[in-house]
Every structure is written in structure tokens, then in C-alpha cells.
């Protein structure tokens, strides 16, 4: 059974996986002539939907999107975004662990 929370966390993990891949490609191609930076959007769209008119769109419908940016990647920016993405991934992983822990408790009635 996929709950809205699980669906949203799944989409977040997909976004962070894609973002790590994009950042890796950006770093690997720092010196490649005419290479255009690749990015992944997710949080911005999620915030827009959360602040929109209630009922106009469900947050679980938000999907990550990959796009090509103007200009080449900058190493310092890529490394900062890499660190940010790692923290977001850890947060989402903890939230998933808690979600499945609560499911296990509700099914078995035991905490351990």
C-alpha cells in the first residue's frame, strides 16, 4: 500500500539519485568544451504546489525534472550542491526508515 508520504519520499529519493548523477556528470565534464551544466528540480516545484490554491494540485504529483542549464558547471558550486544533496538524502532515508518502522509496529504490534 503506497501512502502519500511514501509516494512523496519515493519521488524525493528519485530526485536525489538523479541529482547525484547530474552533479557527477557536471564534475566529470568541468574541462569539456561547450559542456552545459545539468540540474534536477524538485523542491522548487514542491514548494509551489504546497503554496498554491488548496486542492488545485496534490504534492504527491510532483516529479523531479532534469534540465540543461545555460553555461558550464563551476566546481565550487557543484561541490556545495553535492553536500546539500547528501544531507537531503540522509534526511529522506531517515524519514523512510521511520515510516517503515511505524508500518512494522502497526502490523506486528511490537517495536523490536
PDB file of N, CA and C in Angstrom:
ATOM      1  N   UNK A   1       0.844  -1.184   0.000  1.00  0.00           N
ATOM      2  CA  UNK A   1       0.000   0.000   0.000  1.00  0.00           C
ATOM      3  C   UNK A   1       0.888   1.245   0.000  1.00  0.00           C
ATOM      4  N   UNK A   2       0.733   2.057  -1.022  1.00  0.00           N
ATOM      5  CA  UNK A   2       1.549   3.261  -1.133  1.00  0.00           C
ATOM      6  C   UNK A   2       0.782   4.454  -0.556  1.00  0.00           C
ATOM      7  N   UNK A   3       1.276   4.963   0.560  1.00  0.00           N
ATOM      8  CA  UNK A   3       0.666   6.118   1.206  1.00  0.00           C
ATOM      9  C   UNK A   3       1.180   7.396   0.535  1.00  0.00           C
ATOM     10  N   UNK A   4       0.503   8.521   0.725  1.00  0.00           N
ATOM     11  CA  UNK A   4       1.006   9.779   0.156  1.00  0.00           C
ATOM     12  C   UNK A   4       2.417  10.113   0.649  1.00  0.00           C
ATOM     13  N   UNK A   5       2.689   9.845   1.924  1.00  0.00           N
ATOM     14  CA  UNK A   5       4.024  10.120   2.467  1.00  0.00           C
ATOM     15  C   UNK A   5       5.074   9.257   1.775  1.00  0.00           C
ATOM     16  N   UNK A   6       4.766   7.982   1.579  1.00  0.00           N
ATOM     17  CA  UNK A   6       5.704   7.084   0.915  1.00  0.00           C
ATOM     18  C   UNK A   6       5.926   7.495  -0.538  1.00  0.00           C
ATOM     19  N   UNK A   7       4.869   7.902  -1.207  1.00  0.00           N
ATOM     20  CA  UNK A   7       4.980   8.338  -2.602  1.00  0.00           C
ATOM     21  C   UNK A   7       5.864   9.582  -2.715  1.00  0.00           C
ATOM     22  N   UNK A   8       5.663  10.535  -1.799  1.00  0.00           N
ATOM     23  CA  UNK A   8       6.457  11.758  -1.812  1.00  0.00           C
ATOM     24  C   UNK A   8       7.925  11.457  -1.502  1.00  0.00           C
ATOM     25  N   UNK A   9       8.185  10.614  -0.515  1.00  0.00           N
ATOM     26  CA  UNK A   9       9.562  10.246  -0.188  1.00  0.00           C
ATOM     27  C   UNK A   9      10.222   9.483  -1.327  1.00  0.00           C
ATOM     28  N   UNK A  10       9.460   8.661  -2.012  1.00  0.00           N
ATOM     29  CA  UNK A  10       9.983   7.931  -3.166  1.00  0.00           C
ATOM     30  C   UNK A  10      10.397   8.900  -4.275  1.00  0.00           C
ATOM     31  N   UNK A  11       9.557   9.895  -4.533  1.00  0.00           N
ATOM     32  CA  UNK A  11       9.880  10.903  -5.552  1.00  0.00           C
ATOM     33  C   UNK A  11      11.101  11.717  -5.136  1.00  0.00           C
ATOM     34  N   UNK A  12      11.203  12.029  -3.841  1.00  0.00           N
ATOM     35  CA  UNK A  12      12.363  12.773  -3.344  1.00  0.00           C
ATOM     36  C   UNK A  12      13.636  11.966  -3.551  1.00  0.00           C
ATOM     37  N   UNK A  13      13.591  10.684  -3.229  1.00  0.00           N
ATOM     38  CA  UNK A  13      14.774   9.833  -3.410  1.00  0.00           C
ATOM     39  C   UNK A  13      15.134   9.728  -4.895  1.00  0.00           C
ATOM     40  N   UNK A  14      14.131   9.673  -5.761  1.00  0.00           N
ATOM     41  CA  UNK A  14      14.397   9.662  -7.202  1.00  0.00           C
ATOM     42  C   UNK A  14      15.093  10.960  -7.612  1.00  0.00           C
ATOM     43  N   UNK A  15      14.614  12.082  -7.099  1.00  0.00           N
ATOM     44  CA  UNK A  15      15.215  13.381  -7.415  1.00  0.00           C
ATOM     45  C   UNK A  15      16.661  13.425  -6.945  1.00  0.00           C
ATOM     46  N   UNK A  16      16.933  12.929  -5.742  1.00  0.00           N
ATOM     47  CA  UNK A  16      18.292  12.981  -5.203  1.00  0.00           C
ATOM     48  C   UNK A  16      19.230  12.038  -5.952  1.00  0.00           C
ATOM     49  N   UNK A  17      18.712  10.914  -6.405  1.00  0.00           N
ATOM     50  CA  UNK A  17      19.519   9.999  -7.219  1.00  0.00           C
ATOM     51  C   UNK A  17      19.886  10.664  -8.540  1.00  0.00           C
ATOM     52  N   UNK A  18      18.899  11.246  -9.197  1.00  0.00           N
ATOM     53  CA  UNK A  18      19.165  11.940 -10.466  1.00  0.00           C
ATOM     54  C   UNK A  18      20.119  13.095 -10.259  1.00  0.00           C
ATOM     55  N   UNK A  19      19.928  13.832  -9.143  1.00  0.00           N
ATOM     56  CA  UNK A  19      20.785  14.988  -8.875  1.00  0.00           C
ATOM     57  C   UNK A  19      22.229  14.555  -8.664  1.00  0.00           C
ATOM     58  N   UNK A  20      22.440  13.450  -7.945  1.00  0.00           N
ATOM     59  CA  UNK A  20      23.804  12.945  -7.738  1.00  0.00           C
ATOM     60  C   UNK A  20      24.431  12.562  -9.086  1.00  0.00           C
ATOM     61  N   UNK A  21      23.650  11.951  -9.959  1.00  0.00           N
ATOM     62  CA  UNK A  21      24.149  11.588 -11.282  1.00  0.00           C
ATOM     63  C   UNK A  21      24.488  12.838 -12.092  1.00  0.00           C
ATOM     64  N   UNK A  22      23.623  13.834 -12.035  1.00  0.00           N
ATOM     65  CA  UNK A  22      23.865  15.082 -12.769  1.00  0.00           C
ATOM     66  C   UNK A  22      25.100  15.797 -12.239  1.00  0.00           C
ATOM     67  N   UNK A  23      25.229  15.859 -10.923  1.00  0.00           N
ATOM     68  CA  UNK A  23      26.392  16.510 -10.324  1.00  0.00           C
ATOM     69  C   UNK A  23      27.687  15.771 -10.678  1.00  0.00           C
ATOM     70  N   UNK A  24      27.630  14.454 -10.689  1.00  0.00           N
ATOM     71  CA  UNK A  24      28.801  13.661 -11.075  1.00  0.00           C
ATOM     72  C   UNK A  24      29.198  13.952 -12.513  1.00  0.00           C
ATOM     73  N   UNK A  25      28.200  14.031 -13.392  1.00  0.00           N
ATOM     74  CA  UNK A  25      28.478  14.347 -14.797  1.00  0.00           C
ATOM     75  C   UNK A  25      29.041  15.754 -14.926  1.00  0.00           C
ATOM     76  N   UNK A  26      28.488  16.695 -14.173  1.00  0.00           N
ATOM     77  CA  UNK A  26      28.982  18.074 -14.219  1.00  0.00           C
ATOM     78  C   UNK A  26      30.437  18.154 -13.780  1.00  0.00           C
ATOM     79  N   UNK A  27      30.771  17.472 -12.690  1.00  0.00           N
ATOM     80  CA  UNK A  27      32.146  17.491 -12.192  1.00  0.00           C
ATOM     81  C   UNK A  27      33.087  16.790 -13.162  1.00  0.00           C
ATOM     82  N   UNK A  28      32.630  15.681 -13.732  1.00  0.00           N
ATOM     83  CA  UNK A  28      33.470  14.943 -14.674  1.00  0.00           C
ATOM     84  C   UNK A  28      33.731  15.731 -15.958  1.00  0.00           C
ATOM     85  N   UNK A  29      32.835  16.650 -16.282  1.00  0.00           N
ATOM     86  CA  UNK A  29      32.952  17.402 -17.531  1.00  0.00           C
ATOM     87  C   UNK A  29      33.344  18.862 -17.336  1.00  0.00           C
ATOM     88  N   UNK A  30      33.962  19.168 -16.205  1.00  0.00           N
ATOM     89  CA  UNK A  30      34.362  20.554 -15.937  1.00  0.00           C
ATOM     90  C   UNK A  30      35.224  21.148 -17.045  1.00  0.00           C
ATOM     91  N   UNK A  31      36.101  20.362 -17.608  1.00  0.00           N
ATOM     92  CA  UNK A  31      37.031  20.853 -18.632  1.00  0.00           C
ATOM     93  C   UNK A  31      36.602  20.518 -20.052  1.00  0.00           C
ATOM     94  N   UNK A  32      35.401  19.983 -20.208  1.00  0.00           N
ATOM     95  CA  UNK A  32      34.915  19.634 -21.542  1.00  0.00           C
ATOM     96  C   UNK A  32      34.392  20.895 -22.227  1.00  0.00           C
ATOM     97  N   UNK A  33      34.942  21.230 -23.391  1.00  0.00           N
ATOM     98  CA  UNK A  33      34.476  22.428 -24.107  1.00  0.00           C
ATOM     99  C   UNK A  33      32.987  22.339 -24.451  1.00  0.00           C
ATOM    100  N   UNK A  34      32.286  23.431 -24.300  1.00  0.00           N
ATOM    101  CA  UNK A  34      30.864  23.570 -24.642  1.00  0.00           C
ATOM    102  C   UNK A  34      29.926  22.679 -23.825  1.00  0.00           C
ATOM    103  N   UNK A  35      30.419  22.080 -22.750  1.00  0.00           N
ATOM    104  CA  UNK A  35      29.536  21.276 -21.890  1.00  0.00           C
ATOM    105  C   UNK A  35      28.585  22.209 -21.149  1.00  0.00           C
ATOM    106  N   UNK A  36      27.318  21.864 -21.124  1.00  0.00           N
ATOM    107  CA  UNK A  36      26.300  22.645 -20.424  1.00  0.00           C
ATOM    108  C   UNK A  36      25.924  21.928 -19.129  1.00  0.00           C
ATOM    109  N   UNK A  37      25.867  22.678 -18.064  1.00  0.00           N
ATOM    110  CA  UNK A  37      25.537  22.127 -16.748  1.00  0.00           C
ATOM    111  C   UNK A  37      24.147  21.476 -16.760  1.00  0.00           C
ATOM    112  N   UNK A  38      24.025  20.334 -16.077  1.00  0.00           N
ATOM    113  CA  UNK A  38      22.756  19.626 -15.941  1.00  0.00           C
ATOM    114  C   UNK A  38      22.287  19.782 -14.497  1.00  0.00           C
ATOM    115  N   UNK A  39      20.990  20.012 -14.307  1.00  0.00           N
ATOM    116  CA  UNK A  39      20.453  20.137 -12.949  1.00  0.00           C
ATOM    117  C   UNK A  39      19.145  19.364 -12.845  1.00  0.00           C
ATOM    118  N   UNK A  40      18.718  19.147 -11.604  1.00  0.00           N
ATOM    119  CA  UNK A  40      17.459  18.458 -11.340  1.00  0.00           C
ATOM    120  C   UNK A  40      16.633  19.338 -10.412  1.00  0.00           C
ATOM    121  N   UNK A  41      15.394  19.599 -10.798  1.00  0.00           N
ATOM    122  CA  UNK A  41      14.492  20.393  -9.961  1.00  0.00           C
ATOM    123  C   UNK A  41      13.482  19.467  -9.300  1.00  0.00           C
ATOM    124  N   UNK A  42      13.179  19.762  -8.069  1.00  0.00           N
ATOM    125  CA  UNK A  42      12.153  19.020  -7.337  1.00  0.00           C
ATOM    126  C   UNK A  42      11.574  19.890  -6.225  1.00  0.00           C
ATOM    127  N   UNK A  43      12.440  20.372  -5.346  1.00  0.00           N
ATOM    128  CA  UNK A  43      11.984  21.125  -4.179  1.00  0.00           C
ATOM    129  C   UNK A  43      11.242  22.399  -4.562  1.00  0.00           C
ATOM    130  N   UNK A  44      11.705  23.077  -5.611  1.00  0.00           N
ATOM    131  CA  UNK A  44      11.056  24.314  -6.032  1.00  0.00           C
ATOM    132  C   UNK A  44       9.612  24.056  -6.457  1.00  0.00           C
ATOM    133  N   UNK A  45       9.415  23.022  -7.240  1.00  0.00           N
ATOM    134  CA  UNK A  45       8.070  22.675  -7.700  1.00  0.00           C
ATOM    135  C   UNK A  45       7.202  22.236  -6.531  1.00  0.00           C
ATOM    136  N   UNK A  46       7.785  21.482  -5.612  1.00  0.00           N
ATOM    137  CA  UNK A  46       7.060  21.029  -4.431  1.00  0.00           C
ATOM    138  C   UNK A  46       6.571  22.228  -3.607  1.00  0.00           C
ATOM    139  N   UNK A  47       7.429  23.220  -3.425  1.00  0.00           N
ATOM    140  CA  UNK A  47       7.043  24.419  -2.680  1.00  0.00           C
ATOM    141  C   UNK A  47       5.932  25.185  -3.394  1.00  0.00           C
ATOM    142  N   UNK A  48       6.024  25.287  -4.711  1.00  0.00           N
ATOM    143  CA  UNK A  48       4.984  25.984  -5.478  1.00  0.00           C
ATOM    144  C   UNK A  48       3.631  25.310  -5.286  1.00  0.00           C
ATOM    145  N   UNK A  49       3.622  23.993  -5.340  1.00  0.00           N
ATOM    146  CA  UNK A  49       2.371  23.242  -5.194  1.00  0.00           C
ATOM    147  C   UNK A  49       1.830  23.387  -3.770  1.00  0.00           C
ATOM    148  N   UNK A  50       2.711  23.350  -2.782  1.00  0.00           N
ATOM    149  CA  UNK A  50       2.278  23.466  -1.387  1.00  0.00           C
ATOM    150  C   UNK A  50       1.681  24.837  -1.096  1.00  0.00           C
ATOM    151  N   UNK A  51       2.143  25.890  -1.797  1.00  0.00           N
ATOM    152  CA  UNK A  51       1.657  27.243  -1.552  1.00  0.00           C
ATOM    153  C   UNK A  51       0.554  27.661  -2.528  1.00  0.00           C
ATOM    154  N   UNK A  52       0.175  26.772  -3.425  1.00  0.00           N
ATOM    155  CA  UNK A  52      -0.875  27.080  -4.399  1.00  0.00           C
ATOM    156  C   UNK A  52      -2.243  26.962  -3.733  1.00  0.00           C
ATOM    157  N   UNK A  53      -3.271  27.212  -4.496  1.00  0.00           N
ATOM    158  CA  UNK A  53      -4.648  27.101  -4.009  1.00  0.00           C
ATOM    159  C   UNK A  53      -4.891  25.663  -3.545  1.00  0.00           C
ATOM    160  N   UNK A  54      -5.384  25.474  -2.318  1.00  0.00           N
ATOM    161  CA  UNK A  54      -5.633  24.116  -1.815  1.00  0.00           C
ATOM    162  C   UNK A  54      -6.534  23.321  -2.754  1.00  0.00           C
ATOM    163  N   UNK A  55      -6.134  22.094  -3.015  1.00  0.00           N
ATOM    164  CA  UNK A  55      -6.921  21.214  -3.867  1.00  0.00           C
ATOM    165  C   UNK A  55      -6.639  21.356  -5.349  1.00  0.00           C
ATOM    166  N   UNK A  56      -5.846  22.373  -5.740  1.00  0.00           N
ATOM    167  CA  UNK A  56      -5.583  22.558  -7.169  1.00  0.00           C
ATOM    168  C   UNK A  56      -4.614  21.503  -7.695  1.00  0.00           C
ATOM    169  N   UNK A  57      -3.713  21.044  -6.812  1.00  0.00           N
ATOM    170  CA  UNK A  57      -2.752  20.020  -7.221  1.00  0.00           C
ATOM    171  C   UNK A  57      -2.234  19.324  -5.977  1.00  0.00           C
ATOM    172  N   UNK A  58      -2.043  18.026  -6.069  1.00  0.00           N
ATOM    173  CA  UNK A  58      -1.580  17.229  -4.936  1.00  0.00           C
ATOM    174  C   UNK A  58      -0.052  17.187  -4.928  1.00  0.00           C
ATOM    175  N   UNK A  59       0.548  17.323  -3.736  1.00  0.00           N
ATOM    176  CA  UNK A  59       2.010  17.307  -3.642  1.00  0.00           C
ATOM    177  C   UNK A  59       2.594  15.980  -4.092  1.00  0.00           C
ATOM    178  N   UNK A  60       1.824  14.903  -4.014  1.00  0.00           N
ATOM    179  CA  UNK A  60       2.351  13.603  -4.448  1.00  0.00           C
ATOM    180  C   UNK A  60       2.449  13.499  -5.971  1.00  0.00           C
ATOM    181  N   UNK A  61       1.894  14.479  -6.686  1.00  0.00           N
ATOM    182  CA  UNK A  61       2.007  14.503  -8.150  1.00  0.00           C
ATOM    183  C   UNK A  61       3.305  15.155  -8.619  1.00  0.00           C
ATOM    184  N   UNK A  62       4.037  15.775  -7.710  1.00  0.00           N
ATOM    185  CA  UNK A  62       5.280  16.463  -8.068  1.00  0.00           C
ATOM    186  C   UNK A  62       6.351  15.433  -8.410  1.00  0.00           C
ATOM    187  N   UNK A  63       6.960  15.624  -9.565  1.00  0.00           N
ATOM    188  CA  UNK A  63       8.006  14.707 -10.027  1.00  0.00           C
ATOM    189  C   UNK A  63       9.284  15.498 -10.296  1.00  0.00           C
ATOM    190  N   UNK A  64      10.448  14.860 -10.076  1.00  0.00           N
ATOM    191  CA  UNK A  64      11.693  15.549 -10.394  1.00  0.00           C
ATOM    192  C   UNK A  64      11.833  15.733 -11.902  1.00  0.00           C
ATOM    193  N   UNK A  65      12.514  16.807 -12.284  1.00  0.00           N
ATOM    194  CA  UNK A  65      12.749  17.088 -13.699  1.00  0.00           C
ATOM    195  C   UNK A  65      14.215  17.426 -13.908  1.00  0.00           C
ATOM    196  N   UNK A  66      14.795  16.838 -14.945  1.00  0.00           N
ATOM    197  CA  UNK A  66      16.179  17.119 -15.294  1.00  0.00           C
ATOM    198  C   UNK A  66      16.174  18.164 -16.402  1.00  0.00           C
ATOM    199  N   UNK A  67      17.103  19.113 -16.299  1.00  0.00           N
ATOM    200  CA  UNK A  67      17.171  20.145 -17.336  1.00  0.00           C
ATOM    201  C   UNK A  67      18.625  20.547 -17.574  1.00  0.00           C
ATOM    202  N   UNK A  68      18.859  21.092 -18.754  1.00  0.00           N
ATOM    203  CA  UNK A  68      20.180  21.587 -19.127  1.00  0.00           C
ATOM    204  C   UNK A  68      20.187  23.085 -18.880  1.00  0.00           C
ATOM    205  N   UNK A  69      21.184  23.548 -18.149  1.00  0.00           N
ATOM    206  CA  UNK A  69      21.306  24.952 -17.788  1.00  0.00           C
ATOM    207  C   UNK A  69      22.165  25.686 -18.814  1.00  0.00           C
ATOM    208  N   UNK A  70      22.100  26.994 -18.767  1.00  0.00           N
ATOM    209  CA  UNK A  70      22.991  27.828 -19.578  1.00  0.00           C
ATOM    210  C   UNK A  70      24.339  27.903 -18.884  1.00  0.00           C
ATOM    211  N   UNK A  71      25.383  27.693 -19.609  1.00  0.00           N
ATOM    212  CA  UNK A  71      26.723  27.856 -19.065  1.00  0.00           C
ATOM    213  C   UNK A  71      27.312  26.582 -18.482  1.00  0.00           C
ATOM    214  N   UNK A  72      28.610  26.627 -18.280  1.00  0.00           N
ATOM    215  CA  UNK A  72      29.328  25.455 -17.769  1.00  0.00           C
ATOM    216  C   UNK A  72      29.201  25.338 -16.245  1.00  0.00           C
ATOM    217  N   UNK A  73      29.480  24.159 -15.717  1.00  0.00           N
ATOM    218  CA  UNK A  73      29.471  23.995 -14.262  1.00  0.00           C
ATOM    219  C   UNK A  73      30.678  24.671 -13.621  1.00  0.00           C
ATOM    220  N   UNK A  74      30.519  25.063 -12.354  1.00  0.00           N
ATOM    221  CA  UNK A  74      31.597  25.648 -11.565  1.00  0.00           C
ATOM    222  C   UNK A  74      31.859  24.681 -10.409  1.00  0.00           C
ATOM    223  N   UNK A  75      33.103  24.249 -10.264  1.00  0.00           N
ATOM    224  CA  UNK A  75      33.443  23.208  -9.300  1.00  0.00           C
ATOM    225  C   UNK A  75      32.922  23.510  -7.898  1.00  0.00           C
ATOM    226  N   UNK A  76      33.144  24.706  -7.384  1.00  0.00           N
ATOM    227  CA  UNK A  76      32.724  25.049  -6.028  1.00  0.00           C
ATOM    228  C   UNK A  76      31.212  24.921  -5.860  1.00  0.00           C
ATOM    229  N   UNK A  77      30.465  25.376  -6.842  1.00  0.00           N
ATOM    230  CA  UNK A  77      29.006  25.278  -6.779  1.00  0.00           C
ATOM    231  C   UNK A  77      28.543  23.825  -6.822  1.00  0.00           C
ATOM    232  N   UNK A  78      29.183  23.031  -7.662  1.00  0.00           N
ATOM    233  CA  UNK A  78      28.814  21.616  -7.772  1.00  0.00           C
ATOM    234  C   UNK A  78      29.094  20.889  -6.454  1.00  0.00           C
ATOM    235  N   UNK A  79      30.223  21.189  -5.829  1.00  0.00           N
ATOM    236  CA  UNK A  79      30.572  20.535  -4.569  1.00  0.00           C
ATOM    237  C   UNK A  79      29.623  20.950  -3.444  1.00  0.00           C
ATOM    238  N   UNK A  80      29.214  22.225  -3.421  1.00  0.00           N
ATOM    239  CA  UNK A  80      28.242  22.662  -2.403  1.00  0.00           C
ATOM    240  C   UNK A  80      26.895  21.975  -2.610  1.00  0.00           C
ATOM    241  N   UNK A  81      26.475  21.858  -3.859  1.00  0.00           N
ATOM    242  CA  UNK A  81      25.200  21.193  -4.136  1.00  0.00           C
ATOM    243  C   UNK A  81      25.295  19.702  -3.835  1.00  0.00           C
ATOM    244  N   UNK A  82      26.462  19.119  -4.061  1.00  0.00           N
ATOM    245  CA  UNK A  82      26.677  17.710  -3.733  1.00  0.00           C
ATOM    246  C   UNK A  82      26.507  17.486  -2.230  1.00  0.00           C
ATOM    247  N   UNK A  83      27.104  18.346  -1.410  1.00  0.00           N
ATOM    248  CA  UNK A  83      26.970  18.233   0.047  1.00  0.00           C
ATOM    249  C   UNK A  83      25.512  18.413   0.473  1.00  0.00           C
ATOM    250  N   UNK A  84      24.819  19.378  -0.128  1.00  0.00           N
ATOM    251  CA  UNK A  84      23.413  19.615   0.182  1.00  0.00           C
ATOM    252  C   UNK A  84      22.568  18.394  -0.174  1.00  0.00           C
ATOM    253  N   UNK A  85      22.828  17.807  -1.331  1.00  0.00           N
ATOM    254  CA  UNK A  85      22.076  16.639  -1.776  1.00  0.00           C
ATOM    255  C   UNK A  85      22.334  15.445  -0.859  1.00  0.00           C
ATOM    256  N   UNK A  86      23.556  15.290  -0.389  1.00  0.00           N
ATOM    257  CA  UNK A  86      23.857  14.206   0.545  1.00  0.00           C
ATOM    258  C   UNK A  86      23.056  14.368   1.837  1.00  0.00           C
ATOM    259  N   UNK A  87      22.959  15.587   2.344  1.00  0.00           N
ATOM    260  CA  UNK A  87      22.175  15.823   3.565  1.00  0.00           C
ATOM    261  C   UNK A  87      20.692  15.557   3.335  1.00  0.00           C
ATOM    262  N   UNK A  88      20.188  15.981   2.194  1.00  0.00           N
ATOM    263  CA  UNK A  88      18.780  15.744   1.880  1.00  0.00           C
ATOM    264  C   UNK A  88      18.494  14.247   1.745  1.00  0.00           C
ATOM    265  N   UNK A  89      19.436  13.521   1.148  1.00  0.00           N
ATOM    266  CA  UNK A  89      19.283  12.073   1.005  1.00  0.00           C
ATOM    267  C   UNK A  89      19.255  11.399   2.374  1.00  0.00           C
ATOM    268  N   UNK A  90      20.125  11.823   3.271  1.00  0.00           N
ATOM    269  CA  UNK A  90      20.134  11.263   4.623  1.00  0.00           C
ATOM    270  C   UNK A  90      18.827  11.545   5.344  1.00  0.00           C
ATOM    271  N   UNK A  91      18.300  12.747   5.196  1.00  0.00           N
ATOM    272  CA  UNK A  91      17.030  13.097   5.817  1.00  0.00           C
ATOM    273  C   UNK A  91      15.899  12.225   5.275  1.00  0.00           C
ATOM    274  N   UNK A  92      15.830  12.080   3.958  1.00  0.00           N
ATOM    275  CA  UNK A  92      14.778  11.268   3.338  1.00  0.00           C
ATOM    276  C   UNK A  92      14.917   9.802   3.745  1.00  0.00           C
ATOM    277  N   UNK A  93      16.148   9.325   3.854  1.00  0.00           N
ATOM    278  CA  UNK A  93      16.381   7.945   4.276  1.00  0.00           C
ATOM    279  C   UNK A  93      15.872   7.723   5.701  1.00  0.00           C
ATOM    280  N   UNK A  94      16.155   8.674   6.589  1.00  0.00           N
ATOM    281  CA  UNK A  94      15.657   8.567   7.967  1.00  0.00           C
ATOM    282  C   UNK A  94      14.125   8.588   8.002  1.00  0.00           C
ATOM    283  N   UNK A  95      13.528   9.438   7.173  1.00  0.00           N
ATOM    284  CA  UNK A  95      12.065   9.510   7.127  1.00  0.00           C
ATOM    285  C   UNK A  95      11.474   8.197   6.610  1.00  0.00           C
ATOM    286  N   UNK A  96      12.114   7.589   5.614  1.00  0.00           N
ATOM    287  CA  UNK A  96      11.658   6.289   5.109  1.00  0.00           C
ATOM    288  C   UNK A  96      11.799   5.206   6.178  1.00  0.00           C
ATOM    289  N   UNK A  97      12.906   5.222   6.887  1.00  0.00           N
ATOM    290  CA  UNK A  97      13.118   4.238   7.959  1.00  0.00           C
ATOM    291  C   UNK A  97      12.028   4.368   9.014  1.00  0.00           C
ATOM    292  N   UNK A  98      11.719   5.595   9.405  1.00  0.00           N
ATOM    293  CA  UNK A  98      10.667   5.823  10.393  1.00  0.00           C
ATOM    294  C   UNK A  98       9.312   5.361   9.872  1.00  0.00           C
ATOM    295  N   UNK A  99       9.031   5.643   8.610  1.00  0.00           N
ATOM    296  CA  UNK A  99       7.763   5.245   8.004  1.00  0.00           C
ATOM    297  C   UNK A  99       7.597   3.729   8.041  1.00  0.00           C
ATOM    298  N   UNK A 100       8.639   3.003   7.640  1.00  0.00           N
ATOM    299  CA  UNK A 100       8.547   1.547   7.616  1.00  0.00           C
ATOM    300  C   UNK A 100       8.564   0.962   9.025  1.00  0.00           C
ATOM    301  N   UNK A 101       9.218   1.623   9.940  1.00  0.00           N
ATOM    302  CA  UNK A 101       9.196   1.191  11.336  1.00  0.00           C
ATOM    303  C   UNK A 101       7.780   1.283  11.898  1.00  0.00           C
ATOM    304  N   UNK A 102       7.099   2.380  11.594  1.00  0.00           N
ATOM    305  CA  UNK A 102       5.714   2.540  12.055  1.00  0.00           C
ATOM    306  C   UNK A 102       4.792   1.502  11.407  1.00  0.00           C
ATOM    307  N   UNK A 103       5.028   1.187  10.149  1.00  0.00           N
ATOM    308  CA  UNK A 103       4.242   0.138   9.498  1.00  0.00           C
ATOM    309  C   UNK A 103       4.467  -1.207  10.177  1.00  0.00           C
ATOM    310  N   UNK A 104       5.722  -1.510  10.489  1.00  0.00           N
ATOM    311  CA  UNK A 104       6.043  -2.782  11.150  1.00  0.00           C
ATOM    312  C   UNK A 104       5.351  -2.858  12.502  1.00  0.00           C
ATOM    313  N   UNK A 105       5.367  -1.756  13.247  1.00  0.00           N
ATOM    314  CA  UNK A 105       4.701  -1.731  14.556  1.00  0.00           C
ATOM    315  C   UNK A 105       3.197  -1.941  14.397  1.00  0.00           C
ATOM    316  N   UNK A 106       2.600  -1.306  13.399  1.00  0.00           N
ATOM    317  CA  UNK A 106       1.161  -1.445  13.216  1.00  0.00           C
ATOM    318  C   UNK A 106       0.773  -2.865  12.776  1.00  0.00           C
ATOM    319  N   UNK A 107       1.657  -3.539  12.065  1.00  0.00           N
ATOM    320  CA  UNK A 107       1.379  -4.895  11.607  1.00  0.00           C
ATOM    321  C   UNK A 107       1.631  -5.914  12.715  1.00  0.00           C
ATOM    322  N   UNK A 108       2.769  -5.799  13.384  1.00  0.00           N
ATOM    323  CA  UNK A 108       3.156  -6.810  14.375  1.00  0.00           C
ATOM    324  C   UNK A 108       2.762  -6.451  15.799  1.00  0.00           C
ATOM    325  N   UNK A 109       2.567  -5.183  16.060  1.00  0.00           N
ATOM    326  CA  UNK A 109       2.268  -4.747  17.409  1.00  0.00           C
ATOM    327  C   UNK A 109       3.488  -4.698  18.311  1.00  0.00           C
ATOM    328  N   UNK A 110       4.663  -4.916  17.731  1.00  0.00           N
ATOM    329  CA  UNK A 110       5.906  -4.897  18.509  1.00  0.00           C
ATOM    330  C   UNK A 110       6.828  -3.818  17.982  1.00  0.00           C
ATOM    331  N   UNK A 111       7.625  -3.251  18.873  1.00  0.00           N
ATOM    332  CA  UNK A 111       8.572  -2.204  18.486  1.00  0.00           C
ATOM    333  C   UNK A 111       9.931  -2.766  18.144  1.00  0.00           C
ATOM    334  N   UNK A 112      10.237  -3.975  18.461  1.00  0.00           N
ATOM    335  CA  UNK A 112      11.593  -4.512  18.228  1.00  0.00           C
ATOM    336  C   UNK A 112      11.679  -5.701  17.399  1.00  0.00           C
TER     337      UNK A 112
END
